[in-house]
Amino acid sequence: MKKRTLITAVQYVIFLGLGIFIIYRMFDQMSPQDKADMMHSIKQTRLWVLAPVLVLGFFSHFFRALRWKLLLKPLHIHPRTTNITLAVLLGYLVNLLLPRMGEVAKCTVLARYEHVPADKMVGTIVAERAFDVVCLILVTILAFVLQASVIGEYAANMFAQLASKKTLFFGVLTAIGFIILFLIFLVRRDKHSRIGQFILGMRDGIAAIFKLKERREFLVYTVCIWLLYWSQVVIGFWAMPGTDELSLLAALVVLIFGSIGMIVTPGGLGAYPALIAQILVFYNIDDADGKAFGWVSWLAQTGIVLILGIGSLILLPIYNRSNEHHHHAQDRVDTE
């Protein structure tokens, strides 16, 4: 347990350090006039236009919770919608502080309040994240095709750089192969051990996505999630004078690069605004306006996670306490 905590801490320090370095580089390369122009652009933000983003952000997480609930059905886990939604919101809050730990946190919270096994749920998280990666790749390809005239050269250079790193790519594939073989060895050695049961639980969770009867609902929820993400970027454009004339397709491209930024550093710190500012240059957006939009967008999304996450942290014990009292009262009535 201590070893895992140490590894998590080291990972967090590394990625947090990367985010801080990106911010330092961004501001170090800006002249005093550039900084003044960026702050002027930020101050022009129409905050009232951004208000719907909080509602859209909530519903994107709500549909994610409903989608996760579908994955839990084949495992005979049927959590209440309120609990699974609050658990998802809390998971995003934890991810701001400890990257990747939010997935563990929401499984732990749901297991506690719904009295269900956490290990099987972890497997569904792995399946869900793998599906999200596939969706991101498909949306990226779609955006690059539709916006080839704007970012075609940039995309070609990026893919060329990735293709040049074949050794790293095959090295990662080899490492993943060894990890899978090692996990199979551990399960066959003692499948009743704690590690064995955990791995089998993950296997069952991943298999759940192939056993889904409600595949249409799963896809509908997925489309809703991405449409809501996209809508938030569009509203962000409308909120700032420097970006309010950008198109829906430009918003799709920004969504992709913003998603990558969220993966690179904790909560997208530094990487999110830097990547967005870089891509907005191709849409003839002034550098100061691009950076301003990146920071305003990042702050808005981080604010949503904080508000909804802290709210869920407060509501979870209250909701479940009142629920338990209701069940106890009902039990007393039934026995009388």
Protein backbone atom coordinates (compact mmCIF):
# COMPACT_ATOMS: atom_id res chain seq x y z
CA MET A 1 0.00 0.00 0.00
CA LYS A 2 2.84 2.39 0.90
CA LYS A 3 4.60 1.56 -2.38
CA ARG A 4 1.47 2.37 -4.39
CA THR A 5 1.04 5.66 -2.48
CA LEU A 6 4.65 6.56 -3.21
CA ILE A 7 4.26 5.80 -6.95
CA THR A 8 1.05 7.90 -7.07
CA ALA A 9 2.80 10.77 -5.30
CA VAL A 10 5.78 10.65 -7.70
CA GLN A 11 3.44 10.61 -10.72
CA TYR A 12 1.50 13.55 -9.35
CA VAL A 13 4.67 15.59 -8.71
CA ILE A 14 5.97 14.85 -12.23
CA PHE A 15 2.76 15.80 -14.03
CA LEU A 16 2.11 18.78 -11.75
CA GLY A 17 5.67 19.92 -12.41
CA LEU A 18 5.04 19.61 -16.14
CA GLY A 19 1.94 21.79 -15.83
CA ILE A 20 3.82 24.44 -13.84
CA PHE A 21 6.68 24.36 -16.35
CA ILE A 22 4.26 24.90 -19.25
CA ILE A 23 2.74 27.89 -17.46
CA TYR A 24 6.21 29.30 -16.71
CA ARG A 25 7.28 28.92 -20.35
CA MET A 26 4.05 30.48 -21.62
CA PHE A 27 4.40 33.60 -19.49
CA ASP A 28 8.18 33.78 -19.88
CA GLN A 29 7.82 34.03 -23.65
CA MET A 30 5.23 36.81 -23.38
CA SER A 31 6.24 40.48 -23.36
CA PRO A 32 4.69 42.86 -20.80
CA GLN A 33 2.42 44.14 -23.61
CA ASP A 34 1.33 40.56 -24.48
CA LYS A 35 0.39 39.95 -20.85
CA ALA A 36 -1.51 43.24 -20.70
CA ASP A 37 -3.39 42.36 -23.90
CA MET A 38 -4.29 38.92 -22.55
CA MET A 39 -5.59 40.37 -19.27
CA HIS A 40 -7.60 42.97 -21.21
CA SER A 41 -9.16 40.17 -23.27
CA ILE A 42 -9.98 38.17 -20.11
CA LYS A 43 -11.66 41.23 -18.52
CA GLN A 44 -13.92 41.55 -21.57
CA THR A 45 -15.43 38.11 -20.93
CA ARG A 46 -19.22 38.22 -20.73
CA LEU A 47 -19.70 36.13 -17.60
CA TRP A 48 -23.49 35.98 -17.97
CA VAL A 49 -23.02 34.13 -21.27
CA LEU A 50 -20.96 31.48 -19.45
CA ALA A 51 -23.72 30.77 -16.90
CA PRO A 52 -25.32 27.88 -18.92
CA VAL A 53 -21.95 26.09 -18.95
CA LEU A 54 -22.53 24.98 -15.35
CA VAL A 55 -25.83 23.32 -16.33
CA LEU A 56 -24.29 21.72 -19.44
CA GLY A 57 -21.33 20.52 -17.35
CA PHE A 58 -23.65 18.87 -14.84
CA PHE A 59 -25.65 17.07 -17.53
CA SER A 60 -22.47 15.82 -19.24
CA HIS A 61 -21.52 14.16 -15.93
CA PHE A 62 -25.12 12.97 -15.40
CA PHE A 63 -25.16 11.16 -18.76
CA ARG A 64 -21.76 9.67 -17.93
CA ALA A 65 -23.24 8.34 -14.69
CA LEU A 66 -26.21 6.84 -16.58
CA ARG A 67 -23.82 5.23 -19.05
CA TRP A 68 -21.76 3.73 -16.22
CA LYS A 69 -24.97 2.45 -14.66
CA LEU A 70 -25.66 0.48 -17.86
CA LEU A 71 -22.21 -1.14 -17.62
CA LEU A 72 -22.91 -2.24 -14.05
CA LYS A 73 -26.14 -4.06 -14.96
CA PRO A 74 -24.51 -7.24 -16.39
CA LEU A 75 -22.60 -7.48 -13.09
CA HIS A 76 -25.94 -7.44 -11.19
CA ILE A 77 -25.04 -4.10 -9.61
CA HIS A 78 -27.97 -1.66 -9.60
CA PRO A 79 -27.00 1.58 -7.81
CA ARG A 80 -29.43 4.44 -7.28
CA THR A 81 -29.10 7.15 -9.92
CA THR A 82 -28.50 9.86 -7.30
CA ASN A 83 -25.63 7.94 -5.70
CA ILE A 84 -23.90 7.06 -8.97
CA THR A 85 -24.22 10.67 -10.21
CA LEU A 86 -22.76 12.09 -6.99
CA ALA A 87 -19.98 9.48 -7.09
CA VAL A 88 -19.04 10.53 -10.64
CA LEU A 89 -18.97 14.22 -9.65
CA LEU A 90 -16.80 13.41 -6.64
CA GLY A 91 -14.45 11.40 -8.86
CA TYR A 92 -13.78 14.44 -11.03
CA LEU A 93 -13.02 16.49 -7.93
CA VAL A 94 -10.47 13.91 -6.73
CA ASN A 95 -8.87 13.87 -10.20
CA LEU A 96 -8.05 17.56 -9.80
CA LEU A 97 -5.95 16.73 -6.76
CA LEU A 98 -4.72 13.23 -7.61
CA PRO A 99 -4.81 12.34 -11.32
CA ARG A 100 -6.37 8.93 -12.15
CA MET A 101 -7.34 8.44 -8.49
CA GLY A 102 -10.81 9.82 -9.15
CA GLU A 103 -11.78 6.55 -10.85
CA VAL A 104 -10.83 4.61 -7.74
CA ALA A 105 -12.56 7.15 -5.51
CA LYS A 106 -15.92 6.94 -7.28
CA CYS A 107 -15.84 3.13 -7.15
CA THR A 108 -15.00 3.25 -3.45
CA VAL A 109 -17.76 5.77 -2.70
CA LEU A 110 -20.37 3.81 -4.64
CA ALA A 111 -19.28 0.55 -3.00
CA ARG A 112 -19.65 2.16 0.42
CA TYR A 113 -23.12 3.62 -0.05
CA GLU A 114 -24.59 0.89 -2.26
CA HIS A 115 -22.90 -2.04 -0.47
CA VAL A 116 -21.53 -3.55 -3.69
CA PRO A 117 -18.05 -4.95 -4.57
CA ALA A 118 -15.60 -2.28 -5.75
CA ASP A 119 -13.27 -4.60 -7.69
CA LYS A 120 -15.82 -5.46 -10.38
CA MET A 121 -16.67 -1.79 -10.83
CA VAL A 122 -13.03 -0.92 -11.49
CA GLY A 123 -13.19 -3.17 -14.54
CA THR A 124 -16.13 -1.21 -15.94
CA ILE A 125 -14.13 2.01 -15.50
CA VAL A 126 -11.30 0.52 -17.56
CA ALA A 127 -13.80 -0.45 -20.27
CA GLU A 128 -15.42 2.99 -20.19
CA ARG A 129 -12.09 4.80 -20.48
CA ALA A 130 -11.00 2.55 -23.35
CA PHE A 131 -14.26 3.37 -25.14
CA ASP A 132 -13.68 7.10 -24.49
CA VAL A 133 -10.23 6.86 -26.10
CA VAL A 134 -11.79 5.24 -29.19
CA CYS A 135 -14.40 8.04 -29.31
CA LEU A 136 -11.69 10.71 -29.02
CA ILE A 137 -9.77 9.13 -31.90
CA LEU A 138 -12.90 8.99 -34.09
CA VAL A 139 -13.85 12.60 -33.29
CA THR A 140 -10.25 13.69 -33.97
CA ILE A 141 -10.26 12.00 -37.39
CA LEU A 142 -13.65 13.58 -38.19
CA ALA A 143 -12.45 17.05 -37.17
CA PHE A 144 -9.19 16.76 -39.14
CA VAL A 145 -11.12 15.68 -42.24
CA LEU A 146 -13.70 18.47 -41.95
CA GLN A 147 -11.07 21.10 -41.11
CA ALA A 148 -8.26 19.88 -43.38
CA SER A 149 -8.04 23.27 -45.08
CA VAL A 150 -7.32 24.96 -41.74
CA ILE A 151 -5.25 22.50 -39.70
CA GLY A 152 -4.28 19.94 -42.37
CA GLU A 153 -0.59 20.87 -42.44
CA TYR A 154 -0.39 21.01 -38.65
CA ALA A 155 -2.03 17.57 -38.36
CA ALA A 156 0.28 16.09 -41.01
CA ASN A 157 3.37 17.34 -39.14
CA MET A 158 2.02 15.99 -35.84
CA PHE A 159 1.35 12.51 -37.26
CA ALA A 160 4.76 12.54 -38.95
CA GLN A 161 6.42 13.16 -35.58
CA LEU A 162 4.44 10.29 -34.03
CA ALA A 163 5.35 7.97 -36.90
CA SER A 164 9.05 8.76 -36.40
CA LYS A 165 8.87 7.33 -32.87
CA LYS A 166 8.30 3.70 -33.90
CA THR A 167 10.75 2.35 -31.31
CA LEU A 168 8.87 4.03 -28.46
CA PHE A 169 5.52 2.83 -29.86
CA PHE A 170 6.60 -0.82 -30.12
CA GLY A 171 8.28 -0.56 -26.72
CA VAL A 172 5.00 0.51 -25.13
CA LEU A 173 3.13 -2.33 -26.89
CA THR A 174 5.73 -4.84 -25.65
CA ALA A 175 5.44 -3.55 -22.08
CA ILE A 176 1.63 -3.83 -22.21
CA GLY A 177 1.98 -7.41 -23.51
CA PHE A 178 4.30 -8.35 -20.61
CA ILE A 179 1.91 -6.79 -18.09
CA ILE A 180 -1.02 -8.80 -19.48
CA LEU A 181 1.01 -12.04 -19.36
CA PHE A 182 2.09 -11.27 -15.77
CA LEU A 183 -1.53 -10.67 -14.71
CA ILE A 184 -2.58 -13.98 -16.29
CA PHE A 185 0.25 -15.69 -14.36
CA LEU A 186 -0.92 -14.17 -11.06
CA VAL A 187 -4.53 -15.29 -11.60
CA ARG A 188 -3.57 -18.84 -12.56
CA ARG A 189 -1.20 -19.07 -9.62
CA ASP A 190 -3.88 -18.23 -7.04
CA LYS A 191 -7.19 -16.88 -8.28
CA HIS A 192 -8.62 -16.88 -4.75
CA SER A 193 -5.99 -14.46 -3.46
CA ARG A 194 -6.76 -10.75 -3.05
CA ILE A 195 -4.85 -9.84 -6.19
CA GLY A 196 -6.42 -12.71 -8.12
CA GLN A 197 -9.94 -11.68 -7.09
CA PHE A 198 -9.20 -8.06 -8.01
CA ILE A 199 -7.93 -9.01 -11.49
CA LEU A 200 -10.91 -11.30 -12.09
CA GLY A 201 -13.20 -8.49 -11.00
CA MET A 202 -11.58 -6.18 -13.55
CA ARG A 203 -11.98 -8.85 -16.22
CA ASP A 204 -15.70 -9.14 -15.45
CA GLY A 205 -16.05 -5.36 -15.60
CA ILE A 206 -14.40 -5.11 -19.02
CA ALA A 207 -16.50 -8.01 -20.31
CA ALA A 208 -19.65 -6.17 -19.19
CA ILE A 209 -19.47 -3.80 -22.14
CA PHE A 210 -19.81 -6.79 -24.52
CA LYS A 211 -22.79 -8.16 -22.58
CA LEU A 212 -24.80 -4.96 -22.76
CA LYS A 213 -28.40 -5.39 -23.86
CA GLU A 214 -28.95 -1.62 -23.92
CA ARG A 215 -26.27 -0.86 -26.53
CA ARG A 216 -28.43 1.76 -28.19
CA GLU A 217 -28.85 3.64 -24.89
CA PHE A 218 -25.10 3.36 -24.28
CA LEU A 219 -24.38 5.01 -27.65
CA VAL A 220 -27.06 7.67 -27.11
CA TYR A 221 -25.54 8.62 -23.74
CA THR A 222 -22.09 8.74 -25.35
CA VAL A 223 -23.31 11.08 -28.11
CA CYS A 224 -25.02 13.27 -25.50
CA ILE A 225 -21.79 13.52 -23.49
CA TRP A 226 -19.77 14.67 -26.51
CA LEU A 227 -22.48 17.07 -27.69
CA LEU A 228 -22.55 18.69 -24.25
CA TYR A 229 -18.74 19.00 -24.22
CA TRP A 230 -18.92 20.58 -27.68
CA SER A 231 -21.70 22.96 -26.60
CA GLN A 232 -19.59 24.22 -23.70
CA VAL A 233 -16.80 25.22 -26.08
CA VAL A 234 -19.28 26.98 -28.39
CA ILE A 235 -20.72 28.99 -25.49
CA GLY A 236 -17.17 29.80 -24.42
CA PHE A 237 -16.59 31.28 -27.89
CA TRP A 238 -19.71 33.44 -27.58
CA ALA A 239 -18.60 34.73 -24.17
CA MET A 240 -15.49 36.48 -25.50
CA PRO A 241 -15.33 39.24 -28.16
CA GLY A 242 -12.12 37.83 -29.62
CA THR A 243 -13.65 34.42 -30.40
CA ASP A 244 -17.40 35.01 -30.76
CA GLU A 245 -17.34 34.60 -34.55
CA LEU A 246 -15.61 31.20 -34.60
CA SER A 247 -17.51 28.31 -36.18
CA LEU A 248 -18.93 25.10 -34.73
CA LEU A 249 -16.19 23.10 -36.48
CA ALA A 250 -13.55 25.31 -34.86
CA ALA A 251 -15.17 24.44 -31.51
CA LEU A 252 -14.85 20.73 -32.37
CA VAL A 253 -11.11 21.12 -33.02
CA VAL A 254 -10.66 23.09 -29.78
CA LEU A 255 -12.57 20.35 -27.90
CA ILE A 256 -10.10 17.73 -29.16
CA PHE A 257 -6.98 19.65 -28.20
CA GLY A 258 -8.53 20.63 -24.88
CA SER A 259 -9.25 16.95 -24.15
CA ILE A 260 -5.61 16.09 -24.86
CA GLY A 261 -4.54 18.91 -22.53
CA MET A 262 -6.72 17.47 -19.76
CA ILE A 263 -4.90 14.14 -20.12
CA VAL A 264 -1.36 15.56 -20.18
CA THR A 265 -1.38 17.40 -16.82
CA PRO A 266 -3.52 17.30 -13.63
CA GLY A 267 -6.83 18.91 -14.55
CA GLY A 268 -5.23 20.28 -17.73
CA LEU A 269 -3.14 22.76 -15.70
CA GLY A 270 -1.03 24.75 -18.16
CA ALA A 271 -1.41 22.25 -21.00
CA TYR A 272 -5.09 23.01 -21.67
CA PRO A 273 -4.75 26.79 -22.29
CA ALA A 274 -1.40 26.32 -24.09
CA LEU A 275 -2.76 23.79 -26.60
CA ILE A 276 -5.94 25.77 -27.23
CA ALA A 277 -4.02 29.01 -27.80
CA GLN A 278 -1.74 27.17 -30.22
CA ILE A 279 -4.61 25.78 -32.31
CA LEU A 280 -6.57 29.05 -32.37
CA VAL A 281 -3.68 30.68 -34.22
CA PHE A 282 -4.76 28.67 -37.28
CA TYR A 283 -8.16 30.40 -37.09
CA ASN A 284 -6.52 33.84 -37.24
CA ILE A 285 -7.20 34.51 -33.57
CA ASP A 286 -4.81 36.97 -31.97
CA ASP A 287 -2.31 35.27 -29.63
CA ALA A 288 -3.52 37.28 -26.63
CA ASP A 289 -7.17 36.39 -27.35
CA GLY A 290 -6.23 32.72 -27.84
CA LYS A 291 -4.42 32.51 -24.52
CA ALA A 292 -7.22 34.45 -22.81
CA PHE A 293 -9.82 32.03 -24.15
CA GLY A 294 -7.70 29.06 -23.04
CA TRP A 295 -7.43 30.36 -19.48
CA VAL A 296 -11.09 31.42 -19.21
CA SER A 297 -12.22 28.05 -20.58
CA TRP A 298 -9.93 26.16 -18.20
CA LEU A 299 -11.03 28.22 -15.19
CA ALA A 300 -14.71 27.71 -16.09
CA GLN A 301 -14.31 23.92 -16.35
CA THR A 302 -12.24 23.73 -13.17
CA GLY A 303 -14.84 25.86 -11.38
CA ILE A 304 -17.61 23.50 -12.50
CA VAL A 305 -15.70 20.49 -11.17
CA LEU A 306 -15.07 22.25 -7.83
CA ILE A 307 -18.68 23.40 -7.39
CA LEU A 308 -20.27 20.09 -8.38
CA GLY A 309 -17.62 17.98 -6.64
CA ILE A 310 -17.81 19.81 -3.31
CA GLY A 311 -21.60 19.78 -3.58
CA SER A 312 -21.60 16.00 -4.07
CA LEU A 313 -19.21 15.58 -1.12
CA ILE A 314 -21.76 17.38 1.07
CA LEU A 315 -24.87 15.75 -0.39
CA LEU A 316 -23.72 12.12 -0.42
CA PRO A 317 -23.87 11.47 3.36
CA ILE A 318 -27.02 13.61 3.74
CA TYR A 319 -28.88 11.77 0.97
CA ASN A 320 -27.85 8.33 2.20
CA ARG A 321 -28.55 9.17 5.84
CA SER A 322 -32.10 10.27 5.03
CA ASN A 323 -32.50 7.25 2.80
CA GLU A 324 -31.44 4.90 5.61
CA HIS A 325 -33.89 6.58 8.00
CA HIS A 326 -36.66 6.09 5.43
CA HIS A 327 -35.83 2.38 5.07
CA HIS A 328 -35.64 1.89 8.86
CA ALA A 329 -39.03 3.58 9.26
CA GLN A 330 -40.48 1.40 6.49
CA ASP A 331 -39.06 -1.73 8.13
CA ARG A 332 -40.73 -0.80 11.43
CA VAL A 333 -44.07 -0.31 9.67
CA ASP A 334 -43.71 -3.68 7.93
CA THR A 335 -43.01 -5.51 11.21
CA GLU A 336 -45.93 -3.95 13.09
